[in-house]
Amino acid sequence: MRGIQFSGLAADDQGKTPFEKMLDLFMQLLTYTSGDAAEALQWLNELDKEYQLGNDDYGMGDFIDDLKQKGYITDDHQKGEIKITPKTEQGIRKKSLEEIFGKLKKAGKGDHKTFKPGQGDELNPETRPFRFGDMLEQIDFTESIRNAQINHGIDAFHIGEDDLSIRETDFKTQTSTVLMIDISHSMILYGEDRITPAKKVAMALSELITTRYPKDTLDIVVFGNDAWPVEIKDLPYLQVGPYHTNTVAGLELAMDLLRRRKNPNKQIFMITDGKPTCLKIGKRYYKNSFGLDRKVVNRCMNLAAACKKLKIPITTFMIATDPYLQRFVQEFTEMNHGKAYFASLDNLGSFIFKDFESGRSKTVF
């Protein structure tokens, strides 16, 4: 089993049944074990010994039986394995969404601002006086009648142009997003697990888009020596590999995916912890892990400029603190006119959701 450390369990499960408490932990553990149900149950068994998750009436055996009966896990008799079900995959995404949005709520109000109102599909709580050119469906009749009563009284009741109030709506644009995730070996190097927070963010973002913005599109791209797309349902199973970091391949695939999307608004989010170290030239891999290689960096810069011409902003979330790598990301961002955040593992999700929400709200007059 992999080395997962637990410093204690928070007492935020008041009123939950033993099954619900164990299920919450099981969902968390599945993210760390890349969807390996058997390993997650082994860890949960160790936690039960340490923290007495169950009681005399409800133990681990009961929990496993309930998981099967409620459709969270199933036995693969051919392989002799326990596998999680699509219900559990969605549950992990929802748990990630709740966890990250919980952090956003604690960060304070104002994460989803819209500065100018206009015609659209989301009601604005503010009203304003009628202006020439306003449409009939924009009139707030309840507020307008109230104004007429105040201005003219009941006996001489009538509604004039000066009584009309307009309730505006904010327009939410459709957006196509590609989320790039670095799965190179450095994402678990030096004893620091960076892939699990990246997976949580990807799962939370996918759940946000599919539930709140169903007209939006989200593609997930992972990149190591090469780049390839993964489906949302496969996110819990992501693992790092013995890979270098071929950022160029990831960007090229992201651009190709966005070319196929009809939405006018397109963007790339990239989560990475290291410098680009690899290129594929024909069938040959060009690799250099020692410093920033000019040949690799120039290709990255060219793609940043190409995305700028296509009006595709790139937002880079850098989870490394090396000053020379941060300078590279700043230069890359300037070339694209995108955004860069130098985030710790704890606030990575908060940064991504602030940017996604603020970046997708636009207004029309």
Protein backbone atom coordinates (compact mmCIF):
# COMPACT_ATOMS: atom_id res chain seq x y z
CA MET A 1 0.00 0.00 0.00
CA ARG A 2 1.11 3.56 -0.66
CA GLY A 3 2.27 5.86 2.12
CA ILE A 4 -0.73 7.93 3.20
CA GLN A 5 -0.41 9.77 6.50
CA PHE A 6 -3.33 10.74 8.73
CA SER A 7 -2.81 13.18 11.57
CA GLY A 8 -6.33 12.91 13.00
CA LEU A 9 -9.97 12.88 12.04
CA ALA A 10 -12.05 16.03 12.33
CA ALA A 11 -15.29 15.76 14.26
CA ASP A 12 -17.53 17.24 11.56
CA ASP A 13 -19.77 14.20 11.18
CA GLN A 14 -22.26 14.88 13.96
CA GLY A 15 -25.59 13.21 13.29
CA LYS A 16 -24.22 10.89 10.61
CA THR A 17 -24.76 7.15 10.72
CA PRO A 18 -21.71 4.85 10.86
CA PHE A 19 -22.31 4.02 7.19
CA GLU A 20 -22.30 7.70 6.19
CA LYS A 21 -19.14 8.42 8.17
CA MET A 22 -17.34 5.45 6.63
CA LEU A 23 -18.63 6.34 3.15
CA ASP A 24 -17.18 9.86 3.38
CA LEU A 25 -13.76 8.44 4.25
CA PHE A 26 -14.03 5.71 1.63
CA MET A 27 -14.68 8.36 -1.07
CA GLN A 28 -11.64 10.33 0.05
CA LEU A 29 -9.43 7.27 0.12
CA LEU A 30 -10.48 6.27 -3.40
CA THR A 31 -8.96 9.51 -4.69
CA TYR A 32 -5.64 8.68 -3.06
CA THR A 33 -5.68 5.07 -4.27
CA SER A 34 -6.62 6.03 -7.85
CA GLY A 35 -9.93 4.19 -7.66
CA ASP A 36 -8.51 0.98 -6.18
CA ALA A 37 -11.42 -0.18 -3.99
CA ALA A 38 -9.53 -3.00 -2.28
CA GLU A 39 -6.67 -0.71 -1.23
CA ALA A 40 -9.11 1.95 -0.02
CA LEU A 41 -10.92 -0.66 2.10
CA GLN A 42 -7.61 -1.83 3.55
CA TRP A 43 -6.80 1.73 4.61
CA LEU A 44 -10.30 2.19 5.98
CA ASN A 45 -9.87 -0.97 8.04
CA GLU A 46 -6.67 0.48 9.54
CA LEU A 47 -8.48 3.74 10.31
CA ASP A 48 -11.27 1.78 11.98
CA LYS A 49 -8.75 0.10 14.26
CA GLU A 50 -7.21 3.45 15.18
CA TYR A 51 -10.31 5.65 15.46
CA GLN A 52 -13.20 3.18 16.05
CA LEU A 53 -15.28 4.32 13.10
CA GLY A 54 -17.87 1.63 13.71
CA ASN A 55 -19.31 0.20 16.89
CA ASP A 56 -20.49 -3.13 18.35
CA ASP A 57 -23.61 -2.99 16.20
CA TYR A 58 -21.98 -1.88 12.93
CA GLY A 59 -18.54 -2.99 11.74
CA MET A 60 -16.46 -3.05 8.59
CA GLY A 61 -18.16 -6.22 7.37
CA ASP A 62 -21.55 -4.49 7.59
CA PHE A 63 -20.16 -1.49 5.73
CA ILE A 64 -18.82 -3.63 2.87
CA ASP A 65 -22.17 -5.43 2.60
CA ASP A 66 -23.96 -2.07 2.47
CA LEU A 67 -21.59 -0.80 -0.22
CA LYS A 68 -22.54 -3.77 -2.38
CA GLN A 69 -26.28 -3.57 -1.65
CA LYS A 70 -26.41 0.19 -2.30
CA GLY A 71 -24.51 -0.14 -5.59
CA TYR A 72 -21.20 1.50 -4.65
CA ILE A 73 -18.97 -1.50 -5.33
CA THR A 74 -19.29 -4.73 -7.25
CA ASP A 75 -17.38 -8.00 -7.44
CA ASP A 76 -15.52 -8.76 -10.66
CA HIS A 77 -15.60 -12.56 -10.40
CA GLN A 78 -13.50 -13.08 -13.55
CA LYS A 79 -10.57 -11.06 -12.17
CA GLY A 80 -11.30 -11.70 -8.52
CA GLU A 81 -11.40 -7.96 -7.79
CA ILE A 82 -13.68 -5.45 -6.13
CA LYS A 83 -14.49 -2.53 -8.43
CA ILE A 84 -16.24 0.76 -7.87
CA THR A 85 -19.35 1.56 -9.91
CA PRO A 86 -20.38 4.65 -11.94
CA LYS A 87 -22.44 5.69 -8.90
CA THR A 88 -19.24 5.85 -6.85
CA GLU A 89 -17.35 7.68 -9.60
CA GLN A 90 -19.99 10.41 -9.57
CA GLY A 91 -19.98 10.40 -5.78
CA ILE A 92 -16.24 11.12 -5.76
CA ARG A 93 -16.75 14.04 -8.15
CA LYS A 94 -19.54 15.46 -5.97
CA LYS A 95 -17.40 15.07 -2.86
CA SER A 96 -14.55 16.95 -4.56
CA LEU A 97 -16.94 19.71 -5.61
CA GLU A 98 -18.32 20.08 -2.07
CA GLU A 99 -14.83 20.10 -0.61
CA ILE A 100 -13.50 22.78 -2.92
CA PHE A 101 -16.60 24.96 -2.85
CA GLY A 102 -16.50 24.70 0.92
CA LYS A 103 -13.10 26.37 0.75
CA LEU A 104 -14.47 29.05 -1.53
CA LYS A 105 -17.28 29.90 0.87
CA LYS A 106 -14.77 30.33 3.68
CA ALA A 107 -12.71 32.63 1.47
CA GLY A 108 -15.43 35.28 1.55
CA LYS A 109 -18.05 36.73 -0.73
CA GLY A 110 -17.58 38.15 -4.17
CA ASP A 111 -16.19 35.19 -6.09
CA HIS A 112 -18.85 35.38 -8.80
CA LYS A 113 -19.14 39.07 -9.64
CA THR A 114 -20.85 40.48 -12.73
CA PHE A 115 -20.07 44.13 -13.14
CA LYS A 116 -22.53 45.25 -15.86
CA PRO A 117 -26.10 44.08 -16.38
CA GLY A 118 -27.83 43.39 -19.67
CA GLN A 119 -30.31 41.10 -21.41
CA GLY A 120 -29.62 37.51 -20.66
CA ASP A 121 -30.68 34.41 -18.78
CA GLU A 122 -29.90 35.07 -15.12
CA LEU A 123 -31.97 37.56 -13.06
CA ASN A 124 -30.20 40.51 -11.50
CA PRO A 125 -31.66 41.53 -8.09
CA GLU A 126 -31.30 45.25 -8.92
CA THR A 127 -33.85 47.32 -10.85
CA ARG A 128 -33.50 50.66 -12.66
CA PRO A 129 -35.85 53.22 -14.27
CA PHE A 130 -37.22 52.59 -17.75
CA ARG A 131 -35.18 53.91 -20.68
CA PHE A 132 -36.15 54.26 -24.33
CA GLY A 133 -35.32 51.02 -26.13
CA ASP A 134 -36.00 48.70 -23.19
CA MET A 135 -38.03 45.61 -24.09
CA LEU A 136 -41.45 44.77 -22.69
CA GLU A 137 -40.27 41.50 -21.11
CA GLN A 138 -37.70 43.42 -19.07
CA ILE A 139 -40.38 45.36 -17.13
CA ASP A 140 -40.80 44.34 -13.50
CA PHE A 141 -44.57 44.85 -13.22
CA THR A 142 -44.74 44.25 -9.47
CA GLU A 143 -42.20 46.99 -8.80
CA SER A 144 -43.78 49.25 -11.45
CA ILE A 145 -47.26 48.98 -9.87
CA ARG A 146 -45.75 49.71 -6.47
CA ASN A 147 -44.09 52.83 -7.91
CA ALA A 148 -47.39 53.97 -9.44
CA GLN A 149 -49.20 53.59 -6.11
CA ILE A 150 -46.53 55.65 -4.35
CA ASN A 151 -46.40 58.33 -7.07
CA HIS A 152 -50.13 58.73 -7.84
CA GLY A 153 -52.07 57.15 -4.99
CA ILE A 154 -54.93 54.63 -5.18
CA ASP A 155 -57.65 57.09 -6.20
CA ALA A 156 -55.81 58.41 -9.25
CA PHE A 157 -54.01 55.19 -10.00
CA HIS A 158 -52.32 54.94 -13.40
CA ILE A 159 -48.95 53.76 -14.68
CA GLY A 160 -46.77 56.18 -16.59
CA GLU A 161 -43.37 55.81 -18.15
CA ASP A 162 -41.74 57.30 -15.06
CA ASP A 163 -43.22 54.50 -12.91
CA LEU A 164 -41.75 51.64 -14.92
CA SER A 165 -38.90 49.64 -13.39
CA ILE A 166 -36.61 47.42 -15.43
CA ARG A 167 -35.15 44.24 -13.97
CA GLU A 168 -32.10 43.34 -15.97
CA THR A 169 -30.56 39.94 -16.48
CA ASP A 170 -26.94 38.89 -16.75
CA PHE A 171 -25.88 36.92 -19.77
CA LYS A 172 -23.95 33.73 -19.11
CA THR A 173 -21.84 32.78 -22.11
CA GLN A 174 -21.20 29.22 -23.18
CA THR A 175 -17.58 28.25 -22.74
CA SER A 176 -15.45 25.36 -23.93
CA THR A 177 -12.69 24.46 -21.49
CA VAL A 178 -9.74 22.10 -21.74
CA LEU A 179 -8.16 21.15 -18.43
CA MET A 180 -4.57 19.93 -18.80
CA ILE A 181 -3.10 17.83 -15.98
CA ASP A 182 0.61 17.10 -15.65
CA ILE A 183 1.14 13.41 -14.82
CA SER A 184 4.92 13.41 -15.04
CA HIS A 185 6.95 11.65 -12.35
CA SER A 186 7.66 14.90 -10.50
CA MET A 187 4.01 15.08 -9.44
CA ILE A 188 4.86 12.57 -6.68
CA LEU A 189 8.56 13.30 -6.35
CA TYR A 190 10.30 14.23 -3.09
CA GLY A 191 7.55 12.67 -0.99
CA GLU A 192 4.94 15.31 -1.94
CA ASP A 193 1.65 14.15 -3.44
CA ARG A 194 0.64 16.73 -6.05
CA ILE A 195 -1.47 14.53 -8.31
CA THR A 196 -4.27 13.96 -5.77
CA PRO A 197 -5.11 17.68 -5.39
CA ALA A 198 -4.93 18.02 -9.18
CA LYS A 199 -7.38 15.13 -9.60
CA LYS A 200 -9.75 16.58 -7.01
CA VAL A 201 -9.82 19.88 -8.86
CA ALA A 202 -10.45 18.14 -12.19
CA MET A 203 -13.30 16.09 -10.72
CA ALA A 204 -14.83 19.11 -9.02
CA LEU A 205 -14.61 21.21 -12.18
CA SER A 206 -16.20 18.44 -14.25
CA GLU A 207 -19.05 18.10 -11.76
CA LEU A 208 -19.56 21.88 -11.72
CA ILE A 209 -19.79 22.14 -15.49
CA THR A 210 -22.01 19.09 -16.04
CA THR A 211 -24.48 20.08 -13.31
CA ARG A 212 -24.52 23.90 -13.36
CA TYR A 213 -23.47 24.68 -16.93
CA PRO A 214 -24.72 21.79 -19.07
CA LYS A 215 -24.29 23.77 -22.30
CA ASP A 216 -20.57 24.19 -21.61
CA THR A 217 -18.01 21.61 -22.64
CA LEU A 218 -15.06 20.24 -20.71
CA ASP A 219 -12.24 18.13 -22.12
CA ILE A 220 -9.55 16.62 -19.89
CA VAL A 221 -6.02 16.20 -21.25
CA VAL A 222 -3.19 14.51 -19.38
CA PHE A 223 0.40 14.94 -20.47
CA GLY A 224 3.69 13.20 -19.74
CA ASN A 225 5.97 12.07 -22.57
CA ASP A 226 2.86 12.30 -24.77
CA ALA A 227 -0.61 13.76 -24.30
CA TRP A 228 -3.98 12.05 -24.54
CA PRO A 229 -7.60 12.78 -23.59
CA VAL A 230 -9.33 11.05 -20.70
CA GLU A 231 -13.02 10.85 -19.94
CA ILE A 232 -14.57 12.38 -16.86
CA LYS A 233 -15.43 8.93 -15.51
CA ASP A 234 -11.74 7.96 -15.62
CA LEU A 235 -10.51 10.84 -13.43
CA PRO A 236 -10.47 8.88 -10.13
CA TYR A 237 -8.10 6.34 -11.70
CA LEU A 238 -5.43 8.82 -12.89
CA GLN A 239 -1.88 7.97 -11.86
CA VAL A 240 1.50 9.51 -12.56
CA GLY A 241 4.00 7.59 -14.62
CA PRO A 242 7.76 7.51 -15.31
CA TYR A 243 7.28 10.44 -17.67
CA HIS A 244 9.00 13.66 -18.59
CA THR A 245 6.87 16.79 -19.13
CA ASN A 246 5.81 17.29 -22.75
CA THR A 247 3.88 20.53 -22.33
CA VAL A 248 3.96 21.08 -26.09
CA ALA A 249 2.05 17.85 -26.78
CA GLY A 250 -0.55 18.82 -24.18
CA LEU A 251 -1.06 22.27 -25.68
CA GLU A 252 -1.25 20.94 -29.23
CA LEU A 253 -3.92 18.42 -28.25
CA ALA A 254 -5.85 21.06 -26.28
CA MET A 255 -5.86 23.39 -29.29
CA ASP A 256 -7.01 20.57 -31.55
CA LEU A 257 -9.90 19.73 -29.21
CA LEU A 258 -10.99 23.37 -29.00
CA ARG A 259 -10.94 23.76 -32.80
CA ARG A 260 -13.76 21.20 -32.92
CA ARG A 261 -15.90 23.11 -30.42
CA LYS A 262 -18.48 25.59 -31.76
CA ASN A 263 -18.63 27.74 -28.62
CA PRO A 264 -17.10 31.17 -29.32
CA ASN A 265 -15.49 31.32 -25.87
CA LYS A 266 -12.60 28.91 -25.34
CA GLN A 267 -9.98 28.55 -22.64
CA ILE A 268 -7.23 26.26 -21.38
CA PHE A 269 -6.45 25.54 -17.73
CA MET A 270 -3.09 23.89 -17.10
CA ILE A 271 -2.01 22.38 -13.78
CA THR A 272 1.69 21.63 -13.62
CA ASP A 273 4.48 21.52 -11.07
CA GLY A 274 7.53 21.48 -13.29
CA LYS A 275 9.31 22.80 -16.32
CA PRO A 276 8.74 21.46 -19.85
CA THR A 277 11.42 18.84 -20.45
CA CYS A 278 10.34 16.88 -23.50
CA LEU A 279 9.43 17.15 -27.18
CA LYS A 280 8.44 14.54 -29.70
CA ILE A 281 10.16 15.06 -33.03
CA GLY A 282 8.87 12.46 -35.46
CA LYS A 283 9.19 9.17 -33.59
CA ARG A 284 12.02 10.43 -31.39
CA TYR A 285 11.67 11.97 -27.93
CA TYR A 286 13.91 14.94 -27.29
CA LYS A 287 14.46 15.11 -23.50
CA ASN A 288 16.42 17.41 -21.23
CA SER A 289 15.71 17.50 -17.49
CA PHE A 290 18.65 19.78 -16.67
CA GLY A 291 17.39 23.35 -16.59
CA LEU A 292 15.18 25.05 -19.16
CA ASP A 293 16.05 23.81 -22.63
CA ARG A 294 15.82 26.60 -25.22
CA LYS A 295 14.54 24.22 -27.90
CA VAL A 296 11.63 23.08 -25.70
CA VAL A 297 10.89 26.53 -24.28
CA ASN A 298 10.72 28.15 -27.73
CA ARG A 299 8.10 25.62 -28.88
CA CYS A 300 6.04 26.36 -25.77
CA MET A 301 6.25 30.10 -26.43
CA ASN A 302 5.21 29.64 -30.06
CA LEU A 303 2.11 27.75 -28.96
CA ALA A 304 1.28 30.40 -26.37
CA ALA A 305 1.38 33.00 -29.15
CA ALA A 306 -0.72 30.79 -31.44
CA CYS A 307 -3.39 30.45 -28.75
CA LYS A 308 -3.41 34.22 -28.32
CA LYS A 309 -4.12 34.66 -32.06
CA LEU A 310 -7.00 32.20 -31.73
CA LYS A 311 -8.28 34.11 -28.67
CA ILE A 312 -7.72 31.11 -26.40
CA PRO A 313 -6.42 32.31 -23.03
CA ILE A 314 -4.23 29.90 -21.06
CA THR A 315 -4.43 29.98 -17.28
CA THR A 316 -1.47 28.23 -15.67
CA PHE A 317 -1.64 26.95 -12.11
CA MET A 318 1.92 26.47 -10.98
CA ILE A 319 2.39 24.29 -7.90
CA ALA A 320 6.17 24.67 -7.65
CA THR A 321 8.12 27.45 -5.99
CA ASP A 322 11.39 27.50 -7.95
CA PRO A 323 12.02 31.16 -8.93
CA TYR A 324 13.43 30.35 -12.38
CA LEU A 325 10.40 28.17 -13.19
CA GLN A 326 8.07 30.94 -12.04
CA ARG A 327 9.88 33.36 -14.36
CA PHE A 328 9.33 30.95 -17.25
CA VAL A 329 5.61 30.76 -16.45
CA GLN A 330 5.39 34.56 -16.28
CA GLU A 331 7.02 34.89 -19.71
CA PHE A 332 4.77 32.16 -21.11
CA THR A 333 1.71 33.97 -19.70
CA GLU A 334 2.79 37.34 -21.12
CA MET A 335 3.19 35.75 -24.55
CA ASN A 336 -0.39 34.43 -24.40
CA HIS A 337 -1.94 37.37 -22.48
CA GLY A 338 -3.36 34.71 -20.15
CA LYS A 339 -3.20 34.33 -16.40
CA ALA A 340 -0.84 32.60 -14.01
CA TYR A 341 -1.34 31.62 -10.40
CA PHE A 342 1.43 30.35 -8.18
CA ALA A 343 -0.71 28.24 -5.91
CA SER A 344 0.00 25.99 -2.98
CA LEU A 345 -1.60 22.57 -2.93
CA ASP A 346 -4.13 23.75 -0.34
CA ASN A 347 -5.57 26.66 -2.33
CA LEU A 348 -5.22 25.22 -5.84
CA GLY A 349 -8.94 24.44 -6.10
CA SER A 350 -9.96 27.85 -4.82
CA PHE A 351 -7.85 29.60 -7.44
CA ILE A 352 -9.26 27.52 -10.27
CA PHE A 353 -12.88 28.06 -9.35
CA LYS A 354 -12.49 31.77 -8.79
CA ASP A 355 -11.00 32.09 -12.25
CA PHE A 356 -13.52 29.83 -13.94
CA GLU A 357 -16.50 31.69 -12.46
CA SER A 358 -15.13 35.18 -13.10
CA GLY A 359 -13.90 34.30 -16.57
CA ARG A 360 -17.18 32.87 -17.89
CA SER A 361 -19.55 35.70 -16.85
CA LYS A 362 -19.98 38.27 -19.59
CA THR A 363 -22.57 40.95 -20.16
CA VAL A 364 -24.45 42.48 -23.09
CA PHE A 365 -26.38 45.72 -23.26
